[in-house]
Amino acid sequence: MNAAQITVGVFALDRILLPGGGPARGWPQRLAECGAALAEGAEAMDLTLAEGPEGPVLARPARFGRTDWPAGARVQVEPVAGRAGLFLVRCGGKPVAVASSFPLLPGASLPEGVPATVQAPAGFAAGTLIDTPDGPRAAGSLVAGEVVTTLSNGSRPLRWIGRRRVSAIEMLAHPGLRPVMIAPGALGNARDLVVAPAQRLLIDDWRAEVYFGEDRVLVPACALVDPPVARSGLPEDGVDYVMLLCDRHEILLAEGALSESFHPGEEGLAALEPEARAALAYAVPEAELLRRRAASPILRGAEARALRLQG
C-alpha cells in the first residue's frame, strides 16, 4: 500500500486561464479568484514523485513551459484558498502546475468552495479486517446495525459508520492525513494494520504500567510512528478511512490488534466533513457523544510517544 514512487496528474500553469491577463499578484491569489478555468484542449501530465529527506522530489525529469526540471528537484503541494480540492504545485519553490483531488475537465471553471478540513482523522483503512461473530470482515463492507466483536462487552451492533476519502494529492499537501502502517506482529496483528493517524490503539503491556501506572492505555497511531515497525504511508491510490461507532466506546479487534471504536470528542468531530458530521448528529446527538466515557485512559502528545512500538 505504500508507494516508493507516486504519480499524480497535474495541469501546467500555461494551460490555466486567469481573468485579467497574467499572474500579477501571484498564482495563489489569482487561482483563488473567481473565473479561473482550464484552457480548451488542456491535458493532464503525469508527475512522478519520490520521498526525499525533506519531502517529495521529482523521481523523473519534468518540463513545464520552457523550463526543464531535473530528477531530485523539490516539489511542494499547497491548497488553494477557497477552492476545495484544488492545489498549487511548485518545483524548486516556483509555481508550475495545479492539481485536484477530483477530475478537472478542459474548458471548465476551477471549483469554488470551503476546503475540506485538514484535522487528522480517525478510522480504519477500508480493507482492514474487523472481528465479528461471523468471522473477520473488511471495515469498508460493514453497515450500521451489523454486529462486531468487542474486548469487554461481547458482540455489539454498529450505531453509525462514517467514511472519509483522502486522495494522494491531499496527502502530499497535508502529510498529517497519511495513514499509519503498523508492521505485522507489532500489536498482535497478523498483517499490516493500516489506520488513520488519529485512530487510537490499545497498549496493554508492561509499558502502560511502568510509564503510566495503568493496565491499558489508548494511544493515537500517529504517536507510534517509528520506522520500520510503524511508518507513515503514502498510498498512490489514496485511502478510504472507515469510522465504526458503537452505542458506547468499545475496543475492537482489527487485524488481531486491539483498537477503539469511533470516539470522536471535539477534535474527532472537527475532522469530519460536513455531510458526515450531519449524518452522525442525526444518528447520535453531539452532546451525547461528548459525554461518553472512554474505554481506557487516553494518552496524548509527548506521553503517547513514549510508547512507540520499538521501545
Protein backbone atom coordinates (compact mmCIF):
# COMPACT_ATOMS: atom_id res chain seq x y z
CA MET A 1 0.00 0.00 0.00
CA ASN A 2 2.97 2.33 0.49
CA ALA A 3 4.35 3.58 -2.83
CA ALA A 4 8.14 4.03 -3.28
CA GLN A 5 7.14 6.41 -6.08
CA ILE A 6 3.82 8.07 -6.67
CA THR A 7 2.36 9.52 -9.88
CA VAL A 8 -0.12 12.39 -9.83
CA GLY A 9 -1.82 14.19 -12.68
CA VAL A 10 -1.25 17.95 -12.94
CA PHE A 11 -2.05 20.77 -15.39
CA ALA A 12 0.78 23.16 -16.28
CA LEU A 13 0.04 26.77 -15.37
CA ASP A 14 0.25 27.82 -19.02
CA ARG A 15 -2.99 25.85 -19.51
CA ILE A 16 -4.82 27.86 -16.82
CA LEU A 17 -6.92 30.84 -17.96
CA LEU A 18 -6.98 33.71 -15.50
CA PRO A 19 -9.22 36.80 -15.63
CA GLY A 20 -7.30 39.99 -16.33
CA GLY A 21 -4.25 38.54 -18.04
CA GLY A 22 -1.26 37.33 -16.06
CA PRO A 23 -0.37 36.35 -12.51
CA ALA A 24 0.44 39.91 -11.41
CA ARG A 25 -0.47 39.27 -7.76
CA GLY A 26 0.97 35.79 -7.63
CA TRP A 27 -0.52 32.45 -8.56
CA PRO A 28 -2.02 31.58 -5.14
CA GLN A 29 -4.04 34.80 -5.07
CA ARG A 30 -5.13 34.63 -8.70
CA LEU A 31 -6.18 30.98 -8.52
CA ALA A 32 -8.30 31.85 -5.50
CA GLU A 33 -10.24 34.44 -7.54
CA CYS A 34 -13.44 33.65 -9.40
CA GLY A 35 -13.22 32.86 -13.09
CA ALA A 36 -10.04 30.77 -13.39
CA ALA A 37 -10.56 27.91 -15.85
CA LEU A 38 -8.74 25.20 -17.78
CA ALA A 39 -7.93 26.05 -21.39
CA GLU A 40 -9.75 24.12 -24.07
CA GLY A 41 -7.76 21.03 -25.00
CA ALA A 42 -5.75 21.10 -21.79
CA GLU A 43 -4.35 17.69 -20.92
CA ALA A 44 -3.04 16.46 -17.62
CA MET A 45 0.59 15.44 -17.40
CA ASP A 46 1.91 12.79 -15.05
CA LEU A 47 4.28 13.93 -12.35
CA THR A 48 6.23 11.07 -10.74
CA LEU A 49 7.41 11.81 -7.22
CA ALA A 50 9.60 10.11 -4.68
CA GLU A 51 10.12 10.83 -0.99
CA GLY A 52 13.20 12.93 -0.36
CA PRO A 53 14.76 13.72 3.03
CA GLU A 54 12.72 16.94 3.30
CA GLY A 55 9.60 15.94 1.38
CA PRO A 56 8.59 14.96 -2.16
CA VAL A 57 11.03 15.34 -5.05
CA LEU A 58 10.78 14.64 -8.77
CA ALA A 59 11.55 10.99 -9.44
CA ARG A 60 11.88 11.77 -13.16
CA PRO A 61 12.70 14.96 -15.07
CA ALA A 62 9.72 17.15 -15.96
CA ARG A 63 9.16 20.08 -18.29
CA PHE A 64 6.78 22.95 -17.53
CA GLY A 65 6.51 25.66 -20.17
CA ARG A 66 10.09 26.44 -21.19
CA THR A 67 11.71 25.14 -18.03
CA ASP A 68 13.18 21.68 -17.57
CA TRP A 69 13.31 20.38 -14.01
CA PRO A 70 15.75 17.59 -13.14
CA ALA A 71 15.04 14.50 -11.10
CA GLY A 72 15.53 15.32 -7.44
CA ALA A 73 14.01 18.82 -7.65
CA ARG A 74 11.99 19.62 -4.53
CA VAL A 75 8.21 19.58 -5.02
CA GLN A 76 5.68 21.32 -2.81
CA VAL A 77 1.91 20.95 -2.94
CA GLU A 78 -0.23 23.60 -1.25
CA PRO A 79 -4.01 24.06 -1.08
CA VAL A 80 -5.61 26.98 -2.91
CA ALA A 81 -7.66 29.13 -0.54
CA GLY A 82 -11.40 28.98 -1.13
CA ARG A 83 -11.23 26.23 -3.78
CA ALA A 84 -11.97 22.85 -2.27
CA GLY A 85 -9.75 20.08 -3.60
CA LEU A 86 -7.53 22.37 -5.72
CA PHE A 87 -3.76 22.56 -5.15
CA LEU A 88 -0.85 24.62 -6.44
CA VAL A 89 2.28 22.62 -7.31
CA ARG A 90 5.75 24.16 -7.02
CA CYS A 91 9.11 22.87 -8.29
CA GLY A 92 12.15 24.34 -6.60
CA GLY A 93 9.83 26.89 -4.98
CA LYS A 94 8.47 28.11 -8.34
CA PRO A 95 4.76 27.67 -9.20
CA VAL A 96 4.47 25.30 -12.17
CA ALA A 97 1.11 23.48 -12.14
CA VAL A 98 -2.24 22.83 -10.47
CA ALA A 99 -3.65 19.52 -9.31
CA SER A 100 -7.02 18.43 -7.99
CA SER A 101 -8.45 15.70 -5.79
CA PHE A 102 -11.25 15.22 -8.36
CA PRO A 103 -11.35 15.25 -12.20
CA LEU A 104 -10.93 18.60 -13.96
CA LEU A 105 -12.49 18.97 -17.40
CA PRO A 106 -10.97 21.20 -20.13
CA GLY A 107 -12.90 24.42 -20.54
CA ALA A 108 -14.50 24.17 -17.11
CA SER A 109 -14.10 26.78 -14.38
CA LEU A 110 -11.97 25.73 -11.45
CA PRO A 111 -14.10 24.80 -8.45
CA GLU A 112 -15.00 27.01 -5.54
CA GLY A 113 -16.00 26.09 -2.03
CA VAL A 114 -14.78 25.79 1.51
CA PRO A 115 -11.75 23.47 1.61
CA ALA A 116 -12.18 20.18 3.45
CA THR A 117 -10.88 20.09 7.00
CA VAL A 118 -7.26 19.08 7.45
CA GLN A 119 -7.75 17.85 11.01
CA ALA A 120 -6.16 14.40 11.37
CA PRO A 121 -8.98 11.85 11.01
CA ALA A 122 -9.64 8.62 12.90
CA GLY A 123 -10.71 5.33 11.34
CA PHE A 124 -9.51 2.14 9.72
CA ALA A 125 -8.42 1.69 6.12
CA ALA A 126 -11.39 0.18 4.28
CA GLY A 127 -9.66 -3.19 3.78
CA THR A 128 -8.85 -3.66 7.49
CA LEU A 129 -10.32 -6.92 8.82
CA ILE A 130 -12.58 -6.36 11.85
CA ASP A 131 -13.60 -9.30 14.04
CA THR A 132 -17.32 -10.13 14.03
CA PRO A 133 -19.24 -13.14 15.43
CA ASP A 134 -19.32 -14.49 11.87
CA GLY A 135 -15.60 -14.04 11.26
CA PRO A 136 -13.37 -11.17 10.08
CA ARG A 137 -14.98 -8.58 7.81
CA ALA A 138 -13.42 -5.72 5.88
CA ALA A 139 -14.24 -2.44 7.62
CA GLY A 140 -15.48 -0.99 4.34
CA SER A 141 -18.05 -3.77 3.92
CA LEU A 142 -19.77 -3.22 7.29
CA VAL A 143 -23.06 -1.33 7.60
CA ALA A 144 -24.89 0.20 10.54
CA GLY A 145 -26.81 -2.40 12.55
CA GLU A 146 -24.32 -5.21 11.92
CA VAL A 147 -22.55 -6.72 14.89
CA VAL A 148 -18.85 -6.61 15.76
CA THR A 149 -16.84 -8.36 18.48
CA THR A 150 -15.62 -6.24 21.39
CA LEU A 151 -12.97 -6.91 24.00
CA SER A 152 -15.12 -6.43 27.12
CA ASN A 153 -18.78 -6.42 26.08
CA GLY A 154 -19.24 -9.33 23.69
CA SER A 155 -20.97 -8.73 20.38
CA ARG A 156 -22.24 -5.18 19.89
CA PRO A 157 -24.11 -3.54 16.99
CA LEU A 158 -22.69 -0.66 15.00
CA ARG A 159 -24.70 2.52 15.55
CA TRP A 160 -23.17 4.58 12.72
CA ILE A 161 -20.47 4.21 10.08
CA GLY A 162 -18.57 7.14 8.65
CA ARG A 163 -16.28 7.28 5.65
CA ARG A 164 -13.68 9.74 4.51
CA ARG A 165 -11.85 9.56 1.20
CA VAL A 166 -8.36 11.11 1.12
CA SER A 167 -6.62 11.37 -2.25
CA ALA A 168 -2.90 11.11 -2.83
CA ILE A 169 -2.65 14.80 -3.75
CA GLU A 170 -4.31 15.76 -0.45
CA MET A 171 -1.79 13.64 1.44
CA LEU A 172 1.04 15.40 -0.39
CA ALA A 173 -0.38 18.78 0.63
CA HIS A 174 -1.21 17.66 4.18
CA PRO A 175 1.13 14.89 5.41
CA GLY A 176 -0.92 14.67 8.62
CA LEU A 177 -3.65 12.91 6.61
CA ARG A 178 -1.41 9.98 5.65
CA PRO A 179 -2.26 6.55 7.09
CA VAL A 180 -0.10 4.88 9.72
CA MET A 181 1.01 1.36 8.82
CA ILE A 182 1.78 -0.99 11.71
CA ALA A 183 4.03 -3.91 10.74
CA PRO A 184 2.77 -7.50 11.31
CA GLY A 185 3.31 -8.72 14.86
CA ALA A 186 3.85 -5.29 16.42
CA LEU A 187 0.45 -5.32 18.16
CA GLY A 188 -0.61 -8.91 17.64
CA ASN A 189 -1.68 -8.18 14.07
CA ALA A 190 -1.09 -10.90 11.51
CA ARG A 191 -0.99 -8.47 8.54
CA ASP A 192 -0.15 -4.80 8.10
CA LEU A 193 -2.57 -2.77 10.18
CA VAL A 194 -3.42 0.44 8.32
CA VAL A 195 -5.24 3.14 10.27
CA ALA A 196 -5.84 6.87 10.21
CA PRO A 197 -3.36 8.99 12.17
CA ALA A 198 -5.82 9.82 14.97
CA GLN A 199 -7.10 6.24 15.35
CA ARG A 200 -6.21 5.07 18.86
CA LEU A 201 -4.66 1.68 19.57
CA LEU A 202 -4.70 -0.16 22.89
CA ILE A 203 -1.35 -0.74 24.59
CA ASP A 204 -1.76 -3.33 27.34
CA ASP A 205 1.80 -4.46 28.06
CA TRP A 206 4.43 -3.55 30.68
CA ARG A 207 4.93 -0.04 29.26
CA ALA A 208 1.43 1.07 30.28
CA GLU A 209 2.10 0.02 33.87
CA VAL A 210 5.70 1.26 34.13
CA TYR A 211 5.20 4.65 32.48
CA PHE A 212 1.64 5.49 33.49
CA GLY A 213 0.52 3.13 36.26
CA GLU A 214 -2.34 1.81 34.10
CA ASP A 215 -3.15 -1.70 32.91
CA ARG A 216 -4.13 -0.36 29.49
CA VAL A 217 -3.87 2.94 27.64
CA LEU A 218 -5.11 4.20 24.29
CA VAL A 219 -2.56 5.89 22.04
CA PRO A 220 -3.12 7.67 18.68
CA ALA A 221 -1.40 5.84 15.85
CA CYS A 222 0.48 8.97 14.74
CA ALA A 223 2.35 8.99 18.08
CA LEU A 224 3.65 5.47 17.43
CA VAL A 225 5.34 6.25 14.12
CA ASP A 226 8.88 4.87 14.37
CA PRO A 227 10.04 3.06 11.21
CA PRO A 228 10.17 0.27 10.31
CA VAL A 229 7.70 -1.03 12.91
CA ALA A 230 5.24 1.83 12.43
CA ARG A 231 5.53 4.18 9.48
CA SER A 232 3.59 6.88 7.71
CA GLY A 233 2.30 5.65 4.34
CA LEU A 234 1.59 7.35 1.02
CA PRO A 235 -0.68 5.04 -0.99
CA GLU A 236 -0.73 6.02 -4.65
CA ASP A 237 -4.48 5.44 -4.97
CA GLY A 238 -5.31 7.39 -1.82
CA VAL A 239 -7.07 5.85 1.16
CA ASP A 240 -10.63 5.37 2.39
CA TYR A 241 -10.97 5.72 6.15
CA VAL A 242 -13.91 3.98 7.85
CA MET A 243 -15.17 5.03 11.30
CA LEU A 244 -17.13 2.46 13.31
CA LEU A 245 -19.35 3.85 16.08
CA CYS A 246 -20.96 1.64 18.73
CA ASP A 247 -23.51 2.54 21.43
CA ARG A 248 -20.57 3.05 23.79
CA HIS A 249 -16.84 3.34 23.40
CA GLU A 250 -15.55 -0.17 22.71
CA ILE A 251 -12.29 -1.93 21.98
CA LEU A 252 -12.44 -3.83 18.69
CA LEU A 253 -10.12 -6.37 17.11
CA ALA A 254 -8.62 -5.05 13.88
CA GLU A 255 -6.32 -7.49 12.08
CA GLY A 256 -5.97 -9.11 15.52
CA ALA A 257 -4.79 -5.87 17.18
CA LEU A 258 -6.83 -4.03 19.79
CA SER A 259 -8.16 -0.67 18.62
CA GLU A 260 -11.01 1.62 19.59
CA SER A 261 -14.40 2.14 18.06
CA PHE A 262 -15.04 5.72 16.96
CA HIS A 263 -14.82 8.06 19.97
CA PRO A 264 -14.80 11.50 18.42
CA GLY A 265 -14.64 14.19 21.09
CA GLU A 266 -14.34 17.75 19.85
CA GLU A 267 -11.23 17.06 17.74
CA GLY A 268 -12.75 13.97 16.16
CA LEU A 269 -15.93 15.83 15.26
CA ALA A 270 -13.88 18.64 13.73
CA ALA A 271 -12.14 16.11 11.47
CA LEU A 272 -15.44 15.01 9.92
CA GLU A 273 -16.57 16.54 6.67
CA PRO A 274 -19.87 18.49 6.96
CA GLU A 275 -22.09 15.78 5.45
CA ALA A 276 -20.64 13.06 7.69
CA ARG A 277 -20.98 15.25 10.77
CA ALA A 278 -24.64 15.96 9.95
CA ALA A 279 -25.33 12.24 9.44
CA LEU A 280 -23.65 11.42 12.74
CA ALA A 281 -25.63 14.11 14.57
CA TYR A 282 -28.83 12.59 13.15
CA ALA A 283 -27.87 9.15 14.49
CA VAL A 284 -26.44 10.32 17.83
CA PRO A 285 -26.71 13.87 19.22
CA GLU A 286 -23.29 15.51 19.56
CA ALA A 287 -23.94 16.32 23.22
CA GLU A 288 -24.33 12.61 23.91
CA LEU A 289 -21.10 11.81 22.11
CA LEU A 290 -19.16 14.41 24.07
CA ARG A 291 -20.40 12.94 27.37
CA ARG A 292 -19.20 9.42 26.57
CA ARG A 293 -16.58 7.85 28.78
CA ALA A 294 -13.51 6.37 27.17
CA ALA A 295 -13.00 2.61 27.38
CA SER A 296 -9.44 3.17 28.70
CA PRO A 297 -7.27 6.18 29.61
CA ILE A 298 -6.26 8.18 26.54
CA LEU A 299 -2.70 9.44 26.09
CA ARG A 300 -1.80 12.47 24.00
CA GLY A 301 1.31 14.23 22.74
CA ALA A 302 4.70 13.53 24.25
CA GLU A 303 3.41 10.99 26.76
CA ALA A 304 1.96 8.91 23.93
CA ARG A 305 5.24 8.96 22.02
CA ALA A 306 6.92 7.27 24.98
CA LEU A 307 5.09 4.10 23.95
CA ARG A 308 6.50 3.77 20.44
CA LEU A 309 6.42 0.16 19.42
CA GLN A 310 10.17 -0.37 19.24
CA GLY A 311 10.51 0.68 22.90
